[in-house]
Protein backbone atom coordinates (compact mmCIF):
# COMPACT_ATOMS: atom_id res chain seq x y z
CA MET A 1 -8.52 -44.69 -137.17
CA SER A 2 -11.53 -44.95 -134.84
CA THR A 3 -13.32 -42.03 -133.25
CA SER A 4 -11.94 -42.83 -129.77
CA GLU A 5 -8.36 -42.89 -131.05
CA ARG A 6 -8.88 -39.53 -132.81
CA SER A 7 -10.26 -37.94 -129.65
CA SER A 8 -7.35 -39.22 -127.50
CA THR A 9 -4.86 -37.89 -130.08
CA ASP A 10 -6.54 -34.48 -130.09
CA GLU A 11 -6.47 -34.34 -126.26
CA ALA A 12 -2.77 -35.25 -126.22
CA GLY A 13 -2.08 -32.47 -128.71
CA GLU A 14 -4.03 -29.95 -126.66
CA HIS A 15 -2.06 -30.92 -123.50
CA ALA A 16 1.19 -30.63 -125.46
CA ASP A 17 0.24 -27.09 -126.52
CA GLU A 18 -0.50 -26.19 -122.88
CA ARG A 19 2.96 -27.33 -121.60
CA PRO A 20 5.34 -24.46 -120.75
CA GLY A 21 8.48 -23.96 -122.78
CA LEU A 22 12.06 -24.16 -121.56
CA ILE A 23 12.79 -22.08 -118.47
CA LYS A 24 15.61 -19.62 -119.11
CA ALA A 25 17.03 -19.37 -115.59
CA VAL A 26 19.25 -16.38 -114.87
CA PRO A 27 21.96 -16.97 -112.25
CA VAL A 28 21.65 -14.86 -109.13
CA ARG A 29 24.20 -12.10 -109.22
CA HIS A 30 26.32 -11.33 -106.16
CA PRO A 31 27.89 -7.92 -106.66
CA GLY A 32 28.92 -7.79 -102.99
CA ARG A 33 31.23 -10.76 -103.48
CA TRP A 34 33.08 -9.08 -106.32
CA VAL A 35 33.43 -5.90 -104.28
CA ALA A 36 34.85 -7.92 -101.38
CA ILE A 37 37.29 -9.72 -103.71
CA ALA A 38 38.42 -6.40 -105.17
CA VAL A 39 38.98 -4.92 -101.70
CA LEU A 40 40.93 -7.99 -100.58
CA ALA A 41 43.03 -7.90 -103.76
CA VAL A 42 43.92 -4.25 -103.16
CA LEU A 43 44.81 -4.96 -99.52
CA ALA A 44 46.94 -7.95 -100.54
CA ALA A 45 48.78 -5.82 -103.12
CA MET A 46 49.40 -3.11 -100.54
CA PHE A 47 50.72 -5.66 -98.02
CA LEU A 48 52.98 -7.26 -100.63
CA HIS A 49 54.34 -3.84 -101.60
CA LEU A 50 54.99 -3.12 -97.91
CA LEU A 51 56.95 -6.34 -97.52
CA ILE A 52 59.09 -5.71 -100.60
CA ALA A 53 59.59 -1.94 -100.64
CA ASN A 54 59.83 -0.99 -96.98
CA PRO A 55 63.52 -0.90 -95.95
CA ALA A 56 62.65 -1.55 -92.28
CA PHE A 57 62.30 -5.26 -93.03
CA ASN A 58 65.94 -5.52 -94.16
CA TRP A 59 65.45 -8.99 -95.66
CA PRO A 60 69.16 -9.79 -96.18
CA PHE A 61 69.77 -9.28 -92.46
CA VAL A 62 66.65 -11.32 -91.59
CA PHE A 63 67.92 -14.40 -93.42
CA GLU A 64 71.46 -13.85 -92.14
CA ALA A 65 70.19 -13.80 -88.54
CA MET A 66 68.05 -16.88 -89.13
CA ASN A 67 71.09 -18.86 -90.32
CA GLN A 68 73.22 -18.23 -87.24
CA ASN A 69 74.27 -21.40 -85.38
CA PRO A 70 73.00 -20.25 -81.93
CA VAL A 71 69.59 -19.47 -83.48
CA ILE A 72 69.34 -22.86 -85.19
CA GLU A 73 70.45 -24.61 -82.00
CA GLY A 74 67.89 -22.64 -80.00
CA PHE A 75 65.16 -23.58 -82.46
CA ILE A 76 66.01 -27.29 -82.28
CA LYS A 77 66.59 -27.56 -78.53
CA GLY A 78 64.61 -24.77 -76.92
CA THR A 79 61.64 -24.80 -79.29
CA LEU A 80 61.17 -28.20 -80.94
CA LEU A 81 62.68 -30.45 -78.26
CA VAL A 82 60.95 -28.67 -75.37
CA THR A 83 57.64 -28.78 -77.26
CA VAL A 84 57.89 -32.53 -77.85
CA LEU A 85 58.96 -33.39 -74.30
CA ALA A 86 56.46 -31.05 -72.63
CA MET A 87 53.59 -32.42 -74.72
CA LEU A 88 54.55 -36.05 -74.11
CA ILE A 89 54.66 -35.52 -70.36
CA GLY A 90 51.65 -33.21 -70.35
CA VAL A 91 49.43 -35.53 -72.40
CA SER A 92 50.38 -38.61 -70.36
CA LEU A 93 49.82 -36.84 -67.04
CA GLY A 94 46.62 -35.24 -68.36
CA VAL A 95 45.10 -38.60 -69.33
CA LEU A 96 46.01 -39.96 -65.88
CA LEU A 97 44.37 -36.96 -64.21
CA ALA A 98 41.26 -37.40 -66.38
CA VAL A 99 40.93 -41.04 -65.34
CA MET A 100 41.41 -40.00 -61.70
CA ARG A 101 38.72 -37.32 -62.08
CA LEU A 102 36.26 -39.91 -63.42
CA SER A 103 37.12 -42.40 -60.68
CA ASP A 104 34.68 -43.35 -57.96
CA ASN A 105 37.41 -42.78 -55.38
CA PRO A 106 36.77 -39.35 -53.77
CA VAL A 107 40.46 -38.89 -52.88
CA LEU A 108 41.66 -39.42 -56.46
CA LYS A 109 38.87 -37.23 -57.78
CA GLY A 110 39.71 -34.46 -55.32
CA VAL A 111 43.45 -34.57 -56.06
CA SER A 112 42.77 -34.37 -59.81
CA TRP A 113 40.40 -31.43 -59.37
CA LEU A 114 42.86 -29.60 -57.10
CA TYR A 115 45.75 -30.07 -59.56
CA THR A 116 43.65 -28.89 -62.50
CA TRP A 117 42.34 -25.86 -60.61
CA PHE A 118 45.81 -24.79 -59.43
CA PHE A 119 47.75 -25.03 -62.69
CA ARG A 120 44.96 -23.64 -64.87
CA ALA A 121 44.81 -20.57 -62.64
CA ILE A 122 48.51 -19.65 -62.97
CA PRO A 123 49.74 -17.94 -66.17
CA ARG A 124 52.57 -19.86 -67.78
CA TYR A 125 54.92 -16.89 -67.70
CA VAL A 126 54.40 -16.57 -63.94
CA LEU A 127 54.80 -20.33 -63.50
CA LEU A 128 58.08 -20.38 -65.41
CA THR A 129 59.34 -17.42 -63.38
CA ILE A 130 58.56 -19.37 -60.20
CA MET A 131 60.39 -22.39 -61.63
CA GLY A 132 63.49 -20.27 -62.08
CA ALA A 133 63.38 -19.20 -58.43
CA LEU A 134 62.35 -22.58 -57.01
CA GLY A 135 65.89 -23.44 -56.00
CA ILE A 136 65.52 -21.22 -52.93
CA LEU A 137 63.26 -23.89 -51.40
CA PHE A 138 65.94 -26.56 -51.71
CA GLN A 139 69.16 -24.81 -50.75
CA ARG A 140 70.74 -28.09 -49.65
CA GLY A 141 69.65 -29.85 -52.79
CA LEU A 142 66.64 -31.91 -53.80
CA SER A 143 67.06 -35.32 -52.13
CA LEU A 144 65.36 -38.56 -53.09
CA GLY A 145 64.96 -41.28 -50.47
CA VAL A 146 62.83 -42.23 -47.47
CA PRO A 147 60.50 -39.37 -46.45
CA PHE A 148 61.25 -37.84 -43.02
CA ASP A 149 64.31 -40.06 -42.74
CA TRP A 150 66.04 -37.71 -40.28
CA LYS A 151 63.14 -37.99 -37.85
CA ILE A 152 62.95 -41.76 -38.11
CA ILE A 153 66.73 -42.02 -37.62
CA GLU A 154 66.47 -39.75 -34.55
CA TRP A 155 63.74 -41.90 -33.04
CA LEU A 156 65.75 -45.05 -33.65
CA GLY A 157 68.92 -43.50 -32.23
CA LEU A 158 70.85 -44.02 -35.47
CA SER A 159 73.03 -41.73 -37.54
CA GLY A 160 73.40 -40.88 -41.21
CA ASP A 161 70.59 -40.57 -43.74
CA TRP A 162 68.48 -42.78 -46.00
CA ARG A 163 68.81 -40.72 -49.17
CA PHE A 164 70.20 -42.32 -52.29
CA LEU A 165 70.30 -39.28 -54.62
CA THR A 166 70.67 -35.53 -54.15
CA LEU A 167 70.17 -33.16 -57.07
CA ASP A 168 71.23 -29.54 -57.43
CA ALA A 169 67.89 -27.71 -57.41
CA ASN A 170 69.31 -24.59 -59.09
CA ALA A 171 70.68 -26.61 -61.98
CA LEU A 172 67.48 -28.65 -62.22
CA PHE A 173 64.92 -25.85 -62.29
CA VAL A 174 66.84 -23.22 -64.25
CA GLY A 175 67.77 -24.90 -67.57
CA LEU A 176 65.80 -26.68 -70.24
CA VAL A 177 64.73 -29.30 -67.72
CA GLY A 178 62.99 -26.64 -65.66
CA GLY A 179 61.26 -25.33 -68.77
CA VAL A 180 60.01 -28.79 -69.69
CA ILE A 181 58.75 -29.42 -66.15
CA GLY A 182 56.96 -26.07 -65.94
CA LEU A 183 55.30 -26.26 -69.36
CA ALA A 184 54.38 -29.94 -68.92
CA ALA A 185 52.82 -29.30 -65.50
CA SER A 186 50.70 -26.50 -66.95
CA GLU A 187 49.77 -28.49 -70.05
CA ALA A 188 48.65 -31.51 -68.00
CA ALA A 189 45.92 -29.41 -66.39
CA TYR A 190 44.44 -28.48 -69.78
CA MET A 191 44.90 -31.97 -71.22
CA ALA A 192 43.06 -33.43 -68.22
CA GLU A 193 39.91 -31.56 -69.23
CA ILE A 194 40.36 -32.41 -72.92
CA ALA A 195 40.85 -36.11 -72.17
CA ARG A 196 37.93 -36.12 -69.73
CA ALA A 197 35.63 -34.65 -72.38
CA GLY A 198 36.83 -37.26 -74.88
CA ILE A 199 36.22 -40.14 -72.45
CA LEU A 200 32.76 -38.85 -71.59
CA SER A 201 31.90 -38.67 -75.31
CA VAL A 202 32.12 -42.48 -75.51
CA ASP A 203 28.89 -44.22 -74.59
CA SER A 204 29.04 -45.80 -71.15
CA GLY A 205 27.71 -49.01 -72.64
CA GLN A 206 31.11 -49.57 -74.24
CA MET A 207 32.75 -49.89 -70.83
CA GLU A 208 29.91 -52.04 -69.51
CA ALA A 209 30.11 -54.39 -72.49
CA ALA A 210 33.89 -54.73 -72.10
CA GLN A 211 33.56 -55.52 -68.41
CA ALA A 212 30.81 -58.03 -69.20
CA LEU A 213 33.31 -59.83 -71.43
CA GLY A 214 35.70 -60.12 -68.51
CA MET A 215 37.97 -57.13 -69.15
CA LYS A 216 39.33 -55.16 -66.23
CA ARG A 217 38.40 -51.50 -66.09
CA SER A 218 41.97 -50.37 -66.84
CA LEU A 219 42.25 -52.71 -69.83
CA ALA A 220 38.87 -51.64 -71.17
CA MET A 221 39.90 -48.02 -70.79
CA ARG A 222 43.09 -48.58 -72.83
CA ARG A 223 41.67 -50.81 -75.55
CA ILE A 224 38.02 -49.77 -75.87
CA VAL A 225 37.31 -46.30 -74.51
CA LEU A 226 40.46 -44.28 -75.25
CA PRO A 227 40.75 -45.36 -78.94
CA GLN A 228 37.18 -44.18 -79.51
CA ALA A 229 37.76 -41.00 -77.54
CA MET A 230 40.72 -40.07 -79.73
CA ARG A 231 38.49 -38.53 -82.39
CA VAL A 232 37.39 -35.98 -79.79
CA ILE A 233 40.80 -35.62 -78.13
CA VAL A 234 42.98 -35.18 -81.22
CA PRO A 235 41.70 -31.79 -82.56
CA PRO A 236 42.14 -29.81 -79.30
CA THR A 237 45.39 -31.65 -78.58
CA GLY A 238 46.71 -30.48 -81.95
CA ASN A 239 45.77 -26.93 -81.03
CA GLU A 240 47.50 -27.33 -77.67
CA THR A 241 50.66 -28.57 -79.41
CA THR A 242 50.72 -25.51 -81.66
CA ALA A 243 50.17 -23.28 -78.64
CA MET A 244 52.96 -25.08 -76.79
CA LEU A 245 55.34 -24.44 -79.70
CA LYS A 246 54.66 -20.72 -79.39
CA ASP A 247 54.76 -20.74 -75.58
CA THR A 248 58.38 -21.91 -75.66
CA SER A 249 59.19 -18.24 -76.22
CA LEU A 250 58.20 -17.77 -72.55
CA LEU A 251 61.25 -19.77 -71.43
CA VAL A 252 63.03 -16.43 -71.18
CA ALA A 253 61.26 -16.09 -67.81
CA ILE A 254 63.42 -18.86 -66.25
CA PRO A 255 65.68 -17.77 -68.07
CA VAL A 256 66.75 -20.26 -70.75
CA SER A 257 69.31 -18.98 -73.25
CA THR A 258 69.21 -21.98 -75.60
CA GLU A 259 65.92 -20.91 -77.15
CA LEU A 260 64.97 -19.39 -80.51
CA PHE A 261 63.38 -16.13 -79.39
CA PHE A 262 66.07 -15.44 -76.80
CA GLN A 263 68.81 -15.84 -79.39
CA MET A 264 67.03 -13.67 -81.95
CA GLN A 265 66.54 -10.93 -79.37
CA ALA A 266 70.22 -11.17 -78.43
CA ILE A 267 71.21 -10.60 -82.07
CA GLY A 268 68.82 -7.64 -82.27
CA SER A 269 70.28 -6.10 -79.10
CA ARG A 270 73.86 -6.42 -80.37
CA THR A 271 73.16 -5.06 -83.87
CA TYR A 272 70.30 -2.64 -83.07
CA GLN A 273 68.22 -4.43 -85.71
CA THR A 274 65.24 -5.15 -83.47
CA PHE A 275 62.48 -5.42 -86.06
CA PRO A 276 64.23 -7.69 -88.61
CA VAL A 277 65.06 -10.31 -85.96
CA LEU A 278 61.41 -10.34 -84.88
CA ILE A 279 60.46 -11.08 -88.48
CA GLY A 280 62.99 -13.91 -88.54
CA ALA A 281 61.50 -15.45 -85.39
CA THR A 282 58.02 -15.08 -86.89
CA ILE A 283 59.09 -17.02 -89.99
CA TYR A 284 60.46 -19.84 -87.83
CA TYR A 285 57.21 -20.10 -85.87
CA LEU A 286 55.09 -19.94 -89.05
CA VAL A 287 56.97 -22.79 -90.71
CA ALA A 288 56.92 -25.01 -87.60
CA SER A 289 53.23 -24.32 -86.91
CA SER A 290 52.33 -25.10 -90.54
CA VAL A 291 54.02 -28.51 -90.29
CA LEU A 292 52.13 -29.23 -87.07
CA MET A 293 48.84 -28.27 -88.72
CA VAL A 294 49.48 -30.72 -91.55
CA GLY A 295 50.17 -33.48 -89.04
CA GLN A 296 47.05 -32.58 -87.07
CA THR A 297 44.90 -32.79 -90.22
CA TRP A 298 46.28 -36.25 -91.01
CA LEU A 299 45.61 -37.50 -87.47
CA GLU A 300 42.07 -36.13 -87.49
CA LYS A 301 41.30 -37.97 -90.73
CA ARG A 302 42.84 -41.18 -89.41
CA PHE A 303 40.95 -41.25 -86.11
CA GLY A 304 37.77 -39.96 -87.74
CA ARG A 305 37.45 -42.80 -90.26
CA GLY A 306 33.93 -44.18 -90.48
CA LEU A 307 32.47 -41.20 -88.61
CA GLY A 308 32.01 -38.77 -91.49
CA THR A 309 28.76 -36.86 -91.88
CA THR A 310 29.05 -36.05 -95.58
CA SER A 311 26.25 -37.31 -97.80
CA PRO A 312 27.13 -39.83 -100.55
CA THR A 313 27.68 -38.47 -104.03
CA LYS A 314 25.54 -39.39 -107.01
CA ASP A 315 28.24 -41.59 -108.51
CA THR A 316 28.55 -43.46 -105.22
CA GLU A 317 24.80 -44.09 -105.10
CA VAL A 318 24.79 -45.34 -108.70
CA THR A 319 27.70 -47.68 -107.99
CA LYS A 320 25.93 -49.08 -104.91
CA GLY A 321 22.75 -49.57 -106.94
CA LEU A 322 24.58 -51.43 -109.67
CA ALA A 323 26.31 -53.61 -107.10
CA ALA A 324 22.99 -54.42 -105.43
CA GLY A 325 21.43 -55.25 -108.80
CA GLY A 326 24.35 -57.47 -109.72
CA ALA A 327 23.98 -59.36 -106.45
CA HIS A 328 20.55 -60.58 -107.53
């Protein structure tokens, strides 16, 4: 072995002796977390004991009340059906109002703003109460036909009327139909702002590119802008649907008797078991809201495909590297 090789070997050995040993890392302890977990466990045990041991819940009566036919019918018609119909009408009208608000036409923009301002300012309970009393404005019925037909007929010296349908206003605004109309009208005002925010989130260049390809503005809005805006519209719309499900309990203001909460309260009034029937109604709303939340999560994932912000995992990066290497 030459002198130079010996000197390099000695230097390597000296550097090896200078290297630090293995670092014995001690995990950071979080005693506050364990204290919080212990407190939450104690509170959960206390709440569970309250549910089981407290006789005020009267669980046999709760489930008996929940299985009554009027209650089930009220849940299907007054809660689920009204929620679906009110949201369908509210979302459709809200999107239309949003497009009107973004229009260059000052009349359409003003009408949309006025509608949104009016119905967002009125509490839904007050609005439904007004719906129940709206028949006083149409004591002769709500007629559909030529506007101001009586005046036109008078000017022309004719007789009769030009109305092809007359509806009973009291029957129209008092039942489930009135509830759907009132809730949908209120929901449209909120959906207009949600849809407008979603449309504005899409880059304006998308509309310009579509129009450059020869698409009409309405067609570009349906096929280009709105599908991209859905990722912004869906989450708040899901929240609005859950809120609508709960707001069906306000139909008592009209009043509507074919409704879950009304029927549960009626059972409580007849049997003097007020608290157990409230628990039964709570269980119904919890189950229905949980199903809606699952559906909302699925829709958010579907419309949010390709827009995730999560960083790729190590395995994904290795797979991409191998695929790139194999391509060469």
